[in-house]
Amino acid sequence: MSLPLAILFFLKEVLSKLNKLSLQHNIVLFGLPLWNDYIDLETSQLLNLNFHFFSTSLVNYKSEKTKHWIKKFRENYKTEPSVNNYAFDGFDAGWYFLNGLYRFGPDFINCLEYMDFRPMHTRYKFIQSQGNGYQNSFWNIGKYESYNVIKVN
């Protein structure tokens, strides 16, 4: 899903005006997850605005655990893992649910609150949706800092 062009232009205009205000005011801007898809948003403006965003997954490329996983991924698949092709999501979901099955057996759905496994780049906090199974309600919060994406929570 992408933003219509008119909304993108509006967003850029708002960011420009907020950026001017940030010279005199301390602004913390929270954006929608969809904003991360737009590489033509000015990073310097987002830094000035102390930009925070919500994301279902947030990879910490400075983590030793992540570096080791990427090395193994490259060795096994002869390609780079990327967030866009779900390499990280697939690994974390598989690892989480397979560990749940191993630890609690086929009835592990009733033990979700006892799952203490921390996936590599996200977390799972399941809530039961009325008549629709379970839904992960956890959002990562990230921010731009010194031209890096930092996980806040």
C-alpha atoms as a PDB file:
ATOM      1  CA  MET A   1       0.000   0.000   0.000  1.00  0.00           C
ATOM      2  CA  SER A   2       1.347   3.416  -0.806  1.00  0.00           C
ATOM      3  CA  LEU A   3       0.282   6.955  -0.222  1.00  0.00           C
ATOM      4  CA  PRO A   4      -1.419   8.829  -3.047  1.00  0.00           C
ATOM      5  CA  LEU A   5       0.857  11.423  -4.635  1.00  0.00           C
ATOM      6  CA  ALA A   6      -1.236  14.345  -3.330  1.00  0.00           C
ATOM      7  CA  ILE A   7      -0.865  13.094   0.251  1.00  0.00           C
ATOM      8  CA  LEU A   8       2.886  12.650  -0.228  1.00  0.00           C
ATOM      9  CA  PHE A   9       3.229  16.268  -1.406  1.00  0.00           C
ATOM     10  CA  PHE A  10       1.110  17.419   1.537  1.00  0.00           C
ATOM     11  CA  LEU A  11       3.294  15.407   3.937  1.00  0.00           C
ATOM     12  CA  LYS A  12       6.468  16.932   2.493  1.00  0.00           C
ATOM     13  CA  GLU A  13       4.991  20.429   2.860  1.00  0.00           C
ATOM     14  CA  VAL A  14       3.983  19.793   6.488  1.00  0.00           C
ATOM     15  CA  LEU A  15       7.448  18.393   7.292  1.00  0.00           C
ATOM     16  CA  SER A  16       9.059  21.454   5.738  1.00  0.00           C
ATOM     17  CA  LYS A  17       6.949  23.822   7.840  1.00  0.00           C
ATOM     18  CA  LEU A  18       7.502  21.802  11.020  1.00  0.00           C
ATOM     19  CA  ASN A  19      11.229  21.761  10.294  1.00  0.00           C
ATOM     20  CA  LYS A  20      11.251  25.595  10.279  1.00  0.00           C
ATOM     21  CA  LEU A  21       9.376  25.600  13.591  1.00  0.00           C
ATOM     22  CA  SER A  22      11.911  23.165  15.068  1.00  0.00           C
ATOM     23  CA  LEU A  23      14.505  25.965  15.038  1.00  0.00           C
ATOM     24  CA  GLN A  24      12.583  27.638  17.867  1.00  0.00           C
ATOM     25  CA  HIS A  25      10.680  24.732  19.408  1.00  0.00           C
ATOM     26  CA  ASN A  26      11.495  21.233  20.579  1.00  0.00           C
ATOM     27  CA  ILE A  27       9.311  19.027  18.378  1.00  0.00           C
ATOM     28  CA  VAL A  28       8.841  15.272  18.594  1.00  0.00           C
ATOM     29  CA  LEU A  29       7.052  13.932  15.525  1.00  0.00           C
ATOM     30  CA  PHE A  30       5.369  10.535  15.406  1.00  0.00           C
ATOM     31  CA  GLY A  31       4.694   9.173  11.943  1.00  0.00           C
ATOM     32  CA  LEU A  32       2.692   6.377  10.435  1.00  0.00           C
ATOM     33  CA  PRO A  33       4.383   3.066   9.529  1.00  0.00           C
ATOM     34  CA  LEU A  34       3.693   3.811   5.863  1.00  0.00           C
ATOM     35  CA  TRP A  35       6.019   6.833   5.973  1.00  0.00           C
ATOM     36  CA  ASN A  36       9.040   4.518   6.159  1.00  0.00           C
ATOM     37  CA  ASP A  37       8.406   3.524   2.536  1.00  0.00           C
ATOM     38  CA  TYR A  38       9.229   7.001   1.229  1.00  0.00           C
ATOM     39  CA  ILE A  39      12.932   7.416   0.666  1.00  0.00           C
ATOM     40  CA  ASP A  40      12.443  10.917  -0.705  1.00  0.00           C
ATOM     41  CA  LEU A  41      11.451  12.319   2.691  1.00  0.00           C
ATOM     42  CA  GLU A  42      14.314  14.507   3.861  1.00  0.00           C
ATOM     43  CA  THR A  43      16.310  12.632   6.487  1.00  0.00           C
ATOM     44  CA  SER A  44      17.754  15.880   7.847  1.00  0.00           C
ATOM     45  CA  GLN A  45      14.222  17.168   8.468  1.00  0.00           C
ATOM     46  CA  LEU A  46      13.229  13.938  10.194  1.00  0.00           C
ATOM     47  CA  LEU A  47      16.302  14.218  12.414  1.00  0.00           C
ATOM     48  CA  ASN A  48      15.471  17.844  13.283  1.00  0.00           C
ATOM     49  CA  LEU A  49      11.927  16.808  14.150  1.00  0.00           C
ATOM     50  CA  ASN A  50      13.037  13.968  16.448  1.00  0.00           C
ATOM     51  CA  PHE A  51      11.020  11.640  14.210  1.00  0.00           C
ATOM     52  CA  HIS A  52       9.594   8.484  15.815  1.00  0.00           C
ATOM     53  CA  PHE A  53       7.682   5.805  13.946  1.00  0.00           C
ATOM     54  CA  PHE A  54       5.809   2.576  14.514  1.00  0.00           C
ATOM     55  CA  SER A  55       6.874  -0.617  12.805  1.00  0.00           C
ATOM     56  CA  THR A  56       5.900  -4.273  13.023  1.00  0.00           C
ATOM     57  CA  SER A  57       9.572  -5.172  12.652  1.00  0.00           C
ATOM     58  CA  LEU A  58      12.732  -3.241  13.307  1.00  0.00           C
ATOM     59  CA  VAL A  59      16.119  -4.766  12.618  1.00  0.00           C
ATOM     60  CA  ASN A  60      19.056  -3.681  14.791  1.00  0.00           C
ATOM     61  CA  TYR A  61      21.971  -4.136  12.393  1.00  0.00           C
ATOM     62  CA  LYS A  62      24.479  -3.264  15.141  1.00  0.00           C
ATOM     63  CA  SER A  63      23.436  -6.215  17.320  1.00  0.00           C
ATOM     64  CA  GLU A  64      25.972  -9.065  17.438  1.00  0.00           C
ATOM     65  CA  LYS A  65      23.102 -11.559  17.270  1.00  0.00           C
ATOM     66  CA  THR A  66      21.824  -9.928  14.080  1.00  0.00           C
ATOM     67  CA  LYS A  67      25.305  -9.728  12.541  1.00  0.00           C
ATOM     68  CA  HIS A  68      25.847 -13.433  13.192  1.00  0.00           C
ATOM     69  CA  TRP A  69      22.449 -14.324  11.719  1.00  0.00           C
ATOM     70  CA  ILE A  70      23.120 -12.246   8.578  1.00  0.00           C
ATOM     71  CA  LYS A  71      26.506 -13.962   8.137  1.00  0.00           C
ATOM     72  CA  LYS A  72      24.864 -17.395   8.342  1.00  0.00           C
ATOM     73  CA  PHE A  73      22.064 -16.299   5.991  1.00  0.00           C
ATOM     74  CA  ARG A  74      24.636 -15.145   3.394  1.00  0.00           C
ATOM     75  CA  GLU A  75      26.561 -18.412   3.680  1.00  0.00           C
ATOM     76  CA  ASN A  76      23.443 -20.562   3.300  1.00  0.00           C
ATOM     77  CA  TYR A  77      21.505 -18.637   0.652  1.00  0.00           C
ATOM     78  CA  LYS A  78      24.249 -16.669  -1.201  1.00  0.00           C
ATOM     79  CA  THR A  79      22.198 -13.489  -1.011  1.00  0.00           C
ATOM     80  CA  GLU A  80      21.422 -10.618   1.335  1.00  0.00           C
ATOM     81  CA  PRO A  81      18.499 -10.918   3.748  1.00  0.00           C
ATOM     82  CA  SER A  82      16.179  -7.975   3.479  1.00  0.00           C
ATOM     83  CA  VAL A  83      13.230  -6.689   5.400  1.00  0.00           C
ATOM     84  CA  ASN A  84      11.280  -6.381   2.136  1.00  0.00           C
ATOM     85  CA  ASN A  85      11.513 -10.077   1.295  1.00  0.00           C
ATOM     86  CA  TYR A  86      10.515 -11.136   4.804  1.00  0.00           C
ATOM     87  CA  ALA A  87      13.775 -12.909   5.669  1.00  0.00           C
ATOM     88  CA  PHE A  88      13.769 -11.497   9.204  1.00  0.00           C
ATOM     89  CA  ASP A  89       9.997 -11.854   9.709  1.00  0.00           C
ATOM     90  CA  GLY A  90      10.020 -15.436   8.455  1.00  0.00           C
ATOM     91  CA  PHE A  91      12.896 -16.446  10.694  1.00  0.00           C
ATOM     92  CA  ASP A  92      11.433 -14.823  13.797  1.00  0.00           C
ATOM     93  CA  ALA A  93       7.921 -16.209  13.247  1.00  0.00           C
ATOM     94  CA  GLY A  94       9.232 -19.698  12.510  1.00  0.00           C
ATOM     95  CA  TRP A  95      11.577 -19.674  15.485  1.00  0.00           C
ATOM     96  CA  TYR A  96       8.892 -18.344  17.815  1.00  0.00           C
ATOM     97  CA  PHE A  97       6.159 -20.809  16.855  1.00  0.00           C
ATOM     98  CA  LEU A  98       8.420 -23.827  16.475  1.00  0.00           C
ATOM     99  CA  ASN A  99       9.862 -23.143  19.927  1.00  0.00           C
ATOM    100  CA  GLY A 100       6.301 -22.860  21.242  1.00  0.00           C
ATOM    101  CA  LEU A 101       5.380 -26.220  19.732  1.00  0.00           C
ATOM    102  CA  TYR A 102       8.563 -27.807  21.109  1.00  0.00           C
ATOM    103  CA  ARG A 103       8.109 -26.369  24.588  1.00  0.00           C
ATOM    104  CA  PHE A 104       4.327 -26.650  25.045  1.00  0.00           C
ATOM    105  CA  GLY A 105       3.204 -29.144  22.396  1.00  0.00           C
ATOM    106  CA  PRO A 106       0.270 -28.780  20.031  1.00  0.00           C
ATOM    107  CA  ASP A 107      -1.785 -26.981  22.698  1.00  0.00           C
ATOM    108  CA  PHE A 108       0.741 -24.130  22.931  1.00  0.00           C
ATOM    109  CA  ILE A 109      -1.875 -21.576  21.805  1.00  0.00           C
ATOM    110  CA  ASN A 110      -3.134 -21.682  25.395  1.00  0.00           C
ATOM    111  CA  CYS A 111       0.378 -20.941  26.670  1.00  0.00           C
ATOM    112  CA  LEU A 112       1.176 -17.786  24.675  1.00  0.00           C
ATOM    113  CA  GLU A 113       1.398 -15.718  27.860  1.00  0.00           C
ATOM    114  CA  TYR A 114       4.219 -17.995  29.059  1.00  0.00           C
ATOM    115  CA  MET A 115       6.309 -17.707  25.895  1.00  0.00           C
ATOM    116  CA  ASP A 116       9.460 -15.865  26.975  1.00  0.00           C
ATOM    117  CA  PHE A 117      11.319 -16.197  23.676  1.00  0.00           C
ATOM    118  CA  ARG A 118      12.533 -12.868  22.276  1.00  0.00           C
ATOM    119  CA  PRO A 119      12.719 -12.883  18.481  1.00  0.00           C
ATOM    120  CA  MET A 120      15.579 -11.075  16.766  1.00  0.00           C
ATOM    121  CA  HIS A 121      13.812  -7.942  15.580  1.00  0.00           C
ATOM    122  CA  THR A 122      10.278  -7.827  16.929  1.00  0.00           C
ATOM    123  CA  ARG A 123       8.167  -9.093  19.776  1.00  0.00           C
ATOM    124  CA  TYR A 124       4.876 -10.858  19.950  1.00  0.00           C
ATOM    125  CA  LYS A 125       2.053  -9.863  22.246  1.00  0.00           C
ATOM    126  CA  PHE A 126      -1.009 -11.773  21.168  1.00  0.00           C
ATOM    127  CA  ILE A 127      -4.538 -10.758  21.964  1.00  0.00           C
ATOM    128  CA  GLN A 128      -7.548 -12.855  21.089  1.00  0.00           C
ATOM    129  CA  SER A 129      -9.685 -11.277  18.403  1.00  0.00           C
ATOM    130  CA  GLN A 130     -13.374 -11.959  18.749  1.00  0.00           C
ATOM    131  CA  GLY A 131     -14.036 -14.921  16.466  1.00  0.00           C
ATOM    132  CA  ASN A 132     -10.855 -14.336  14.428  1.00  0.00           C
ATOM    133  CA  GLY A 133      -8.139 -16.162  16.332  1.00  0.00           C
ATOM    134  CA  TYR A 134      -5.210 -14.172  17.684  1.00  0.00           C
ATOM    135  CA  GLN A 135      -3.536 -10.975  16.586  1.00  0.00           C
ATOM    136  CA  ASN A 136      -0.108  -9.604  17.447  1.00  0.00           C
ATOM    137  CA  SER A 137      -0.713  -6.236  19.091  1.00  0.00           C
ATOM    138  CA  PHE A 138       2.957  -5.308  19.588  1.00  0.00           C
ATOM    139  CA  TRP A 139       4.463  -2.352  17.731  1.00  0.00           C
ATOM    140  CA  ASN A 140       8.137  -1.482  17.704  1.00  0.00           C
ATOM    141  CA  ILE A 141       8.888   2.195  18.128  1.00  0.00           C
ATOM    142  CA  GLY A 142      11.916   3.486  16.291  1.00  0.00           C
ATOM    143  CA  LYS A 143      13.459   6.876  15.836  1.00  0.00           C
ATOM    144  CA  TYR A 144      16.043   8.543  13.663  1.00  0.00           C
ATOM    145  CA  GLU A 145      19.171   9.529  15.548  1.00  0.00           C
ATOM    146  CA  SER A 146      22.531  10.531  14.032  1.00  0.00           C
ATOM    147  CA  TYR A 147      21.442   9.138  10.644  1.00  0.00           C
ATOM    148  CA  ASN A 148      20.685   5.739  12.180  1.00  0.00           C
ATOM    149  CA  VAL A 149      17.440   4.041  13.070  1.00  0.00           C
ATOM    150  CA  ILE A 150      17.346   3.334  16.808  1.00  0.00           C
ATOM    151  CA  LYS A 151      14.865   1.017  18.506  1.00  0.00           C
ATOM    152  CA  VAL A 152      13.182   2.910  21.356  1.00  0.00           C
ATOM    153  CA  ASN A 153      11.216   0.127  23.059  1.00  0.00           C
END
